[in-house]
């Protein structure tokens, strides 16, 4: 097999997804998954050892950056509502999806756990893009929603690690080393970046890669998911990364320009179109289970924390989204033979629907009035009297 031509096909599909994204404003991650579906069903595209490694490292780095994007100050400021909403947003759909998959769809216990984990997620990528687009990322409401998304996804990653880990000496070693690294990393990285940062050799990025490779390797030995330590490492260095936005920008260039396309293409590669057709009923049911469970868990809390009805529905719909961690969880199950390709197709299709449908409904019908005023202020059509009410 000519590996150069294989690479050409993979990158060509990623480029096509990017071009379509620019023209349509659809998330490039969704389009890369769609291109993976095309590659797997019509172009006979297959994974190789090197494409699987690149895809895996892309998922780890994407997870690390998601953790590093969390604003520690916002998390502290909105700690109580973000913890309550985030935990409910994880727990209700996790239990509901597990129960549906096991007792109604008749999946075995381990496959049902994967369904629960995959459908409990919230898409930080989708929510963050919406926050920036609407200007809500600068407001208390937007910061609270982002902090709650972090709590939800932390629950998802922890559940994946706890349920499927091998409880042996390797797990003990992984937990011990991870705890030590997470404790030392912020102080050591701060010194290292100050001493060696800004060089052409990008030593600070190599240090991050070293830590992620090492923790990921130990996680694999413990049969855990390498994204777990990556997410936690991103969180503990988030404050430091907030001071070094140029370094983050350079890392994003590598991650989104080369690594994550392989991950999302691979995620779409295993989606079988015949399985989508035959499983349309269960896909619709699982989507409904996820969204209803999110509303059952989140809406009462938004009322308790004095959100307006519009803000509460908007928050709940955004918390109902899912993409990155949902596909990571499903792919984890598939590659370890916990779920079948048909079950994987059902989960990934449901995850994709959850990334699109709730977002469209939220933006079309429940956009908070503050976001509307911010949009008018940006376009110059807001009155002087109303400008005074905009933060």
Protein backbone atom coordinates (compact mmCIF):
# COMPACT_ATOMS: atom_id res chain seq x y z
CA UNK A 1 0.00 0.00 0.00
CA UNK A 2 1.35 3.42 -0.98
CA UNK A 3 1.21 5.38 2.31
CA UNK A 4 1.69 8.71 0.53
CA UNK A 5 -1.42 8.17 -1.55
CA UNK A 6 -3.32 7.05 1.55
CA UNK A 7 -2.26 10.28 3.28
CA UNK A 8 -3.31 12.25 0.20
CA UNK A 9 -6.81 10.80 0.37
CA UNK A 10 -7.19 11.49 4.11
CA UNK A 11 -5.97 15.08 3.83
CA UNK A 12 -8.01 15.61 0.67
CA UNK A 13 -11.18 14.66 2.53
CA UNK A 14 -10.20 16.98 5.40
CA UNK A 15 -9.59 19.83 2.95
CA UNK A 16 -12.96 19.24 1.30
CA UNK A 17 -14.64 19.36 4.71
CA UNK A 18 -12.89 22.64 5.50
CA UNK A 19 -13.92 24.23 2.21
CA UNK A 20 -17.55 23.22 2.71
CA UNK A 21 -17.41 24.55 6.28
CA UNK A 22 -16.23 27.94 5.06
CA UNK A 23 -19.05 28.13 2.51
CA UNK A 24 -21.85 26.85 4.78
CA UNK A 25 -20.75 27.89 8.32
CA UNK A 26 -21.35 24.29 9.46
CA UNK A 27 -18.91 23.00 12.09
CA UNK A 28 -15.86 21.57 10.37
CA UNK A 29 -15.80 18.69 12.87
CA UNK A 30 -19.26 17.60 11.75
CA UNK A 31 -18.23 17.82 8.11
CA UNK A 32 -15.04 15.82 8.73
CA UNK A 33 -17.17 13.08 10.28
CA UNK A 34 -19.44 13.26 7.23
CA UNK A 35 -16.42 12.96 4.92
CA UNK A 36 -15.31 9.95 6.93
CA UNK A 37 -18.72 8.39 6.29
CA UNK A 38 -18.24 9.01 2.57
CA UNK A 39 -14.73 7.56 2.68
CA UNK A 40 -15.78 4.44 4.54
CA UNK A 41 -18.96 3.71 2.58
CA UNK A 42 -18.01 4.76 -0.96
CA UNK A 43 -14.20 5.09 -1.23
CA UNK A 44 -13.28 1.92 0.71
CA UNK A 45 -11.06 3.96 3.01
CA UNK A 46 -9.48 1.98 5.86
CA UNK A 47 -7.47 2.85 8.93
CA UNK A 48 -3.81 1.99 9.22
CA UNK A 49 -1.57 1.84 12.27
CA UNK A 50 -0.18 5.31 11.62
CA UNK A 51 -3.54 6.95 10.89
CA UNK A 52 -4.96 5.43 14.10
CA UNK A 53 -2.05 6.82 16.11
CA UNK A 54 -2.45 10.31 14.63
CA UNK A 55 -6.20 10.17 15.24
CA UNK A 56 -5.67 9.08 18.84
CA UNK A 57 -3.15 11.83 19.53
CA UNK A 58 -5.50 14.34 17.93
CA UNK A 59 -8.26 13.31 20.34
CA UNK A 60 -5.88 13.64 23.30
CA UNK A 61 -4.67 17.10 22.29
CA UNK A 62 -8.21 18.28 21.54
CA UNK A 63 -9.25 17.14 25.01
CA UNK A 64 -6.25 18.85 26.58
CA UNK A 65 -7.07 22.14 24.85
CA UNK A 66 -10.71 21.84 25.96
CA UNK A 67 -9.54 21.65 29.57
CA UNK A 68 -7.05 24.48 29.06
CA UNK A 69 -9.80 26.73 27.68
CA UNK A 70 -11.65 26.73 31.01
CA UNK A 71 -11.40 30.10 32.75
CA UNK A 72 -10.54 29.25 36.40
CA UNK A 73 -11.86 32.60 37.61
CA UNK A 74 -15.24 32.06 35.91
CA UNK A 75 -15.42 28.53 37.33
CA UNK A 76 -14.82 29.85 40.84
CA UNK A 77 -17.27 32.72 40.42
CA UNK A 78 -20.09 30.47 39.20
CA UNK A 79 -19.08 27.39 41.17
CA UNK A 80 -22.43 26.49 42.77
CA UNK A 81 -24.76 26.81 39.74
CA UNK A 82 -22.18 25.40 37.31
CA UNK A 83 -21.56 22.35 39.54
CA UNK A 84 -25.27 21.70 40.04
CA UNK A 85 -26.26 22.19 36.39
CA UNK A 86 -23.18 20.38 35.08
CA UNK A 87 -23.66 17.33 37.31
CA UNK A 88 -27.37 17.07 36.51
CA UNK A 89 -26.59 17.50 32.80
CA UNK A 90 -24.27 14.47 33.06
CA UNK A 91 -26.11 12.21 35.49
CA UNK A 92 -29.69 12.31 34.15
CA UNK A 93 -28.90 11.41 30.50
CA UNK A 94 -26.18 8.97 31.59
CA UNK A 95 -28.66 6.92 33.61
CA UNK A 96 -31.52 7.37 31.14
CA UNK A 97 -29.47 6.33 28.08
CA UNK A 98 -27.99 3.37 29.95
CA UNK A 99 -31.43 2.20 31.07
CA UNK A 100 -32.92 2.59 27.58
CA UNK A 101 -30.04 0.77 25.88
CA UNK A 102 -30.06 -2.09 28.39
CA UNK A 103 -33.75 -2.64 29.14
CA UNK A 104 -35.46 -1.45 25.94
CA UNK A 105 -32.88 -1.88 23.16
CA UNK A 106 -31.58 -5.07 24.84
CA UNK A 107 -27.89 -4.15 24.63
CA UNK A 108 -25.59 -6.00 26.99
CA UNK A 109 -24.44 -4.27 30.17
CA UNK A 110 -21.05 -3.00 28.97
CA UNK A 111 -22.47 -1.73 25.67
CA UNK A 112 -25.20 0.04 27.64
CA UNK A 113 -22.58 1.78 29.78
CA UNK A 114 -20.92 3.06 26.61
CA UNK A 115 -24.30 4.37 25.42
CA UNK A 116 -24.81 6.14 28.76
CA UNK A 117 -21.38 7.76 28.63
CA UNK A 118 -21.60 8.75 24.94
CA UNK A 119 -25.02 10.40 25.33
CA UNK A 120 -24.29 12.18 28.62
CA UNK A 121 -21.89 14.62 27.00
CA UNK A 122 -22.11 18.30 26.19
CA UNK A 123 -20.13 19.71 23.28
CA UNK A 124 -17.76 22.38 24.61
CA UNK A 125 -16.68 23.06 21.01
CA UNK A 126 -20.22 23.71 19.79
CA UNK A 127 -21.22 25.74 22.85
CA UNK A 128 -18.03 27.81 22.78
CA UNK A 129 -18.56 28.63 19.11
CA UNK A 130 -22.14 29.72 19.83
CA UNK A 131 -21.03 31.84 22.79
CA UNK A 132 -18.45 33.67 20.70
CA UNK A 133 -20.85 34.13 17.78
CA UNK A 134 -23.56 35.66 20.02
CA UNK A 135 -21.18 37.61 22.25
CA UNK A 136 -22.47 35.77 25.33
CA UNK A 137 -18.95 34.54 26.13
CA UNK A 138 -18.37 38.02 27.61
CA UNK A 139 -21.40 37.80 29.92
CA UNK A 140 -22.05 36.03 33.23
CA UNK A 141 -24.65 33.78 31.57
CA UNK A 142 -22.22 32.65 28.87
CA UNK A 143 -19.41 32.04 31.35
CA UNK A 144 -21.73 30.03 33.59
CA UNK A 145 -22.86 27.86 30.66
CA UNK A 146 -19.25 27.17 29.63
CA UNK A 147 -18.30 26.28 33.21
CA UNK A 148 -21.29 23.90 33.45
CA UNK A 149 -20.23 22.26 30.15
CA UNK A 150 -16.82 21.60 31.68
CA UNK A 151 -18.39 19.90 34.72
CA UNK A 152 -20.58 17.72 32.47
CA UNK A 153 -17.69 16.58 30.31
CA UNK A 154 -15.49 15.97 33.35
CA UNK A 155 -18.19 13.61 34.62
CA UNK A 156 -18.25 11.89 31.22
CA UNK A 157 -14.47 11.41 31.12
CA UNK A 158 -14.33 10.19 34.72
CA UNK A 159 -17.17 7.72 34.12
CA UNK A 160 -15.41 6.31 31.06
CA UNK A 161 -12.22 5.86 33.06
CA UNK A 162 -13.82 4.42 36.20
CA UNK A 163 -16.21 1.94 34.53
CA UNK A 164 -13.78 0.39 32.05
CA UNK A 165 -10.43 0.55 33.86
CA UNK A 166 -8.55 -2.59 34.85
CA UNK A 167 -8.35 -2.50 38.65
CA UNK A 168 -4.82 -3.79 39.07
CA UNK A 169 -1.27 -2.61 39.73
CA UNK A 170 -1.17 -0.72 36.44
CA UNK A 171 -4.20 1.33 37.49
CA UNK A 172 -2.56 2.12 40.84
CA UNK A 173 0.60 3.23 39.04
CA UNK A 174 -1.42 5.33 36.57
CA UNK A 175 -3.37 7.05 39.36
CA UNK A 176 -0.26 7.68 41.44
CA UNK A 177 1.78 9.12 38.58
CA UNK A 178 -1.17 11.18 37.32
CA UNK A 179 -1.77 12.70 40.76
CA UNK A 180 1.92 13.60 41.08
CA UNK A 181 2.07 15.12 37.58
CA UNK A 182 -1.13 17.11 38.06
CA UNK A 183 0.19 18.49 41.36
CA UNK A 184 3.64 19.43 40.06
CA UNK A 185 2.76 20.44 36.47
CA UNK A 186 1.47 24.01 37.05
CA UNK A 187 4.53 25.12 39.04
CA UNK A 188 7.07 23.26 36.94
CA UNK A 189 5.50 24.39 33.65
CA UNK A 190 5.48 28.01 34.80
CA UNK A 191 9.22 27.85 35.55
CA UNK A 192 9.98 25.87 32.37
CA UNK A 193 8.01 28.23 30.13
CA UNK A 194 9.69 31.28 31.65
CA UNK A 195 13.15 29.73 31.28
CA UNK A 196 12.85 28.04 27.87
CA UNK A 197 9.74 29.50 26.23
CA UNK A 198 9.76 31.53 23.04
CA UNK A 199 12.45 29.45 21.31
CA UNK A 200 12.27 28.34 17.70
CA UNK A 201 12.42 24.73 18.90
CA UNK A 202 9.06 25.17 20.74
CA UNK A 203 10.32 23.52 23.93
CA UNK A 204 7.19 24.35 25.92
CA UNK A 205 4.97 22.52 23.42
CA UNK A 206 7.34 19.54 23.47
CA UNK A 207 7.03 19.44 27.26
CA UNK A 208 3.23 19.28 26.96
CA UNK A 209 3.52 16.50 24.38
CA UNK A 210 5.90 14.58 26.67
CA UNK A 211 3.45 14.71 29.58
CA UNK A 212 0.50 13.73 27.39
CA UNK A 213 2.36 10.80 25.80
CA UNK A 214 3.52 9.51 29.20
CA UNK A 215 0.14 9.79 30.91
CA UNK A 216 -1.63 8.40 27.84
CA UNK A 217 0.67 5.38 27.80
CA UNK A 218 0.01 4.64 31.47
CA UNK A 219 -3.74 5.11 30.93
CA UNK A 220 -3.67 2.54 28.11
CA UNK A 221 -1.84 0.03 30.33
CA UNK A 222 -4.63 0.48 32.91
CA UNK A 223 -7.27 0.02 30.15
CA UNK A 224 -8.42 3.57 30.80
CA UNK A 225 -8.91 6.31 28.22
CA UNK A 226 -5.93 8.67 27.61
CA UNK A 227 -8.29 11.63 27.30
CA UNK A 228 -8.92 11.48 31.07
CA UNK A 229 -5.45 12.66 32.19
CA UNK A 230 -5.31 15.00 29.16
CA UNK A 231 -8.48 16.78 30.26
CA UNK A 232 -7.30 17.10 33.86
CA UNK A 233 -3.84 18.28 32.79
CA UNK A 234 -5.46 20.95 30.62
CA UNK A 235 -7.52 22.11 33.58
CA UNK A 236 -4.60 22.45 36.02
CA UNK A 237 -2.53 24.49 33.53
CA UNK A 238 -5.48 26.57 32.28
CA UNK A 239 -4.41 29.65 34.24
CA UNK A 240 -0.88 29.48 32.82
CA UNK A 241 -2.15 28.98 29.27
CA UNK A 242 -4.45 31.99 29.63
CA UNK A 243 -1.29 34.09 29.95
CA UNK A 244 0.28 32.54 26.83
CA UNK A 245 -2.34 32.89 24.15
CA UNK A 246 0.23 32.87 21.34
CA UNK A 247 1.46 29.42 22.40
CA UNK A 248 -2.13 28.18 22.53
CA UNK A 249 -2.69 29.57 19.03
CA UNK A 250 0.34 27.66 17.73
CA UNK A 251 -0.88 24.44 19.34
CA UNK A 252 -4.32 24.93 17.82
CA UNK A 253 -2.71 25.29 14.40
CA UNK A 254 -1.12 21.86 14.75
CA UNK A 255 -4.18 20.24 16.32
CA UNK A 256 -6.90 21.56 14.00
CA UNK A 257 -4.76 21.77 10.89
CA UNK A 258 -3.40 18.22 10.98
CA UNK A 259 -4.30 15.99 13.95
CA UNK A 260 -8.02 16.28 14.66
CA UNK A 261 -9.09 15.82 11.00
CA UNK A 262 -7.69 12.29 11.25
CA UNK A 263 -9.69 11.71 14.43
CA UNK A 264 -13.02 12.96 13.07
CA UNK A 265 -12.51 11.26 9.70
CA UNK A 266 -11.83 8.00 11.56
CA UNK A 267 -14.95 8.53 13.66
CA UNK A 268 -17.04 8.79 10.48
CA UNK A 269 -15.21 5.95 8.78
CA UNK A 270 -16.93 3.32 10.93
CA UNK A 271 -20.45 4.69 10.40
CA UNK A 272 -22.37 2.24 8.22
CA UNK A 273 -25.11 3.85 6.12
CA UNK A 274 -27.15 0.61 5.96
CA UNK A 275 -26.98 0.51 9.77
CA UNK A 276 -28.23 4.13 9.93
CA UNK A 277 -31.20 3.19 7.78
CA UNK A 278 -32.04 0.01 9.68
CA UNK A 279 -31.49 1.69 13.07
CA UNK A 280 -33.37 4.93 12.36
CA UNK A 281 -36.00 4.13 14.98
CA UNK A 282 -33.56 3.50 17.81
CA UNK A 283 -31.50 6.56 16.77
CA UNK A 284 -34.59 8.75 17.09
CA UNK A 285 -35.46 7.14 20.41
CA UNK A 286 -31.96 7.62 21.85
CA UNK A 287 -31.91 11.23 20.72
CA UNK A 288 -35.24 11.81 22.46
CA UNK A 289 -33.99 10.06 25.61
CA UNK A 290 -30.92 12.28 25.76
CA UNK A 291 -32.77 15.57 25.24
CA UNK A 292 -35.67 14.73 27.57
CA UNK A 293 -33.25 13.64 30.30
CA UNK A 294 -31.25 16.86 29.89
CA UNK A 295 -34.43 18.92 30.31
CA UNK A 296 -35.52 16.86 33.31
CA UNK A 297 -32.19 17.46 35.02
CA UNK A 298 -31.30 21.02 34.00
CA UNK A 299 -34.56 23.00 33.72
CA UNK A 300 -35.55 22.74 37.41
CA UNK A 301 -32.08 23.96 38.41
CA UNK A 302 -32.26 26.95 36.08
CA UNK A 303 -35.52 27.88 37.82
CA UNK A 304 -33.88 27.42 41.23
CA UNK A 305 -31.00 29.72 40.24
CA UNK A 306 -33.46 32.37 38.99
CA UNK A 307 -32.85 32.11 35.25
CA UNK A 308 -35.61 33.59 33.13
CA UNK A 309 -37.64 30.92 31.26
CA UNK A 310 -35.97 31.93 27.98
CA UNK A 311 -32.47 31.75 29.52
CA UNK A 312 -33.31 28.42 31.18
CA UNK A 313 -34.49 26.82 27.94
CA UNK A 314 -31.55 28.26 26.04
CA UNK A 315 -29.08 26.91 28.60
CA UNK A 316 -30.72 23.48 28.61
CA UNK A 317 -30.69 23.19 24.83
CA UNK A 318 -27.00 24.06 24.67
CA UNK A 319 -26.29 21.55 27.45
CA UNK A 320 -28.08 18.97 25.26
CA UNK A 321 -25.45 19.21 22.52
CA UNK A 322 -22.71 16.64 22.07
CA UNK A 323 -19.89 15.89 19.66
CA UNK A 324 -16.26 15.38 20.64
CA UNK A 325 -16.54 13.37 23.86
CA UNK A 326 -19.54 11.48 22.52
CA UNK A 327 -17.58 10.24 19.51
CA UNK A 328 -14.50 9.58 21.67
CA UNK A 329 -16.60 7.39 24.00
CA UNK A 330 -18.25 5.51 21.13
CA UNK A 331 -14.91 4.94 19.38
CA UNK A 332 -13.43 3.73 22.68
CA UNK A 333 -16.17 1.12 22.86
CA UNK A 334 -15.80 0.04 19.24
CA UNK A 335 -12.01 -0.33 19.27
CA UNK A 336 -12.20 -2.45 22.46
CA UNK A 337 -15.00 -4.65 21.07
CA UNK A 338 -17.44 -3.45 23.74
CA UNK A 339 -19.98 -2.38 21.10
CA UNK A 340 -20.59 -3.57 17.56
CA UNK A 341 -20.23 -1.44 14.43
CA UNK A 342 -24.02 -1.21 14.21
CA UNK A 343 -24.24 0.04 17.81
CA UNK A 344 -21.39 2.44 17.12
CA UNK A 345 -23.25 3.82 14.10
CA UNK A 346 -26.37 4.36 16.20
CA UNK A 347 -24.44 6.23 18.91
CA UNK A 348 -22.39 8.43 16.58
CA UNK A 349 -25.43 9.35 14.49
CA UNK A 350 -27.31 10.27 17.67
CA UNK A 351 -24.35 12.35 18.85
CA UNK A 352 -24.24 14.22 15.53
CA UNK A 353 -27.98 14.93 15.74
CA UNK A 354 -27.48 16.29 19.25
CA UNK A 355 -24.79 18.65 17.99
CA UNK A 356 -27.09 20.12 15.35
CA UNK A 357 -30.76 20.03 16.38
CA UNK A 358 -30.65 21.57 19.90
CA UNK A 359 -28.29 24.31 18.73
CA UNK A 360 -30.56 25.31 15.85
CA UNK A 361 -33.64 25.37 18.11
CA UNK A 362 -31.83 27.38 20.79
CA UNK A 363 -30.59 29.99 18.32
CA UNK A 364 -33.89 30.25 16.46
CA UNK A 365 -36.38 30.37 19.35
CA UNK A 366 -34.66 30.91 22.73
CA UNK A 367 -31.77 33.31 22.14
CA UNK A 368 -31.63 35.50 25.28
CA UNK A 369 -32.59 39.15 24.86
CA UNK A 370 -29.11 40.16 26.00
CA UNK A 371 -27.61 38.33 23.01
CA UNK A 372 -30.02 40.13 20.67
CA UNK A 373 -28.95 43.49 22.10
CA UNK A 374 -25.29 42.53 21.74
CA UNK A 375 -25.88 41.66 18.08
CA UNK A 376 -27.63 45.00 17.47
CA UNK A 377 -24.83 46.84 19.26
CA UNK A 378 -22.31 45.09 17.02
CA UNK A 379 -24.26 46.12 13.92
CA UNK A 380 -24.81 49.69 15.16
CA UNK A 381 -28.62 49.47 15.21
CA UNK A 382 -29.09 49.62 19.00
CA UNK A 383 -30.46 52.81 20.51
CA UNK A 384 -28.34 54.88 22.91
CA UNK A 385 -30.76 54.21 25.76
CA UNK A 386 -30.53 50.44 25.29
CA UNK A 387 -26.73 50.54 25.01
CA UNK A 388 -26.52 51.44 28.68
CA UNK A 389 -28.01 48.04 29.60
CA UNK A 390 -25.40 46.07 27.65
CA UNK A 391 -22.44 44.89 29.75
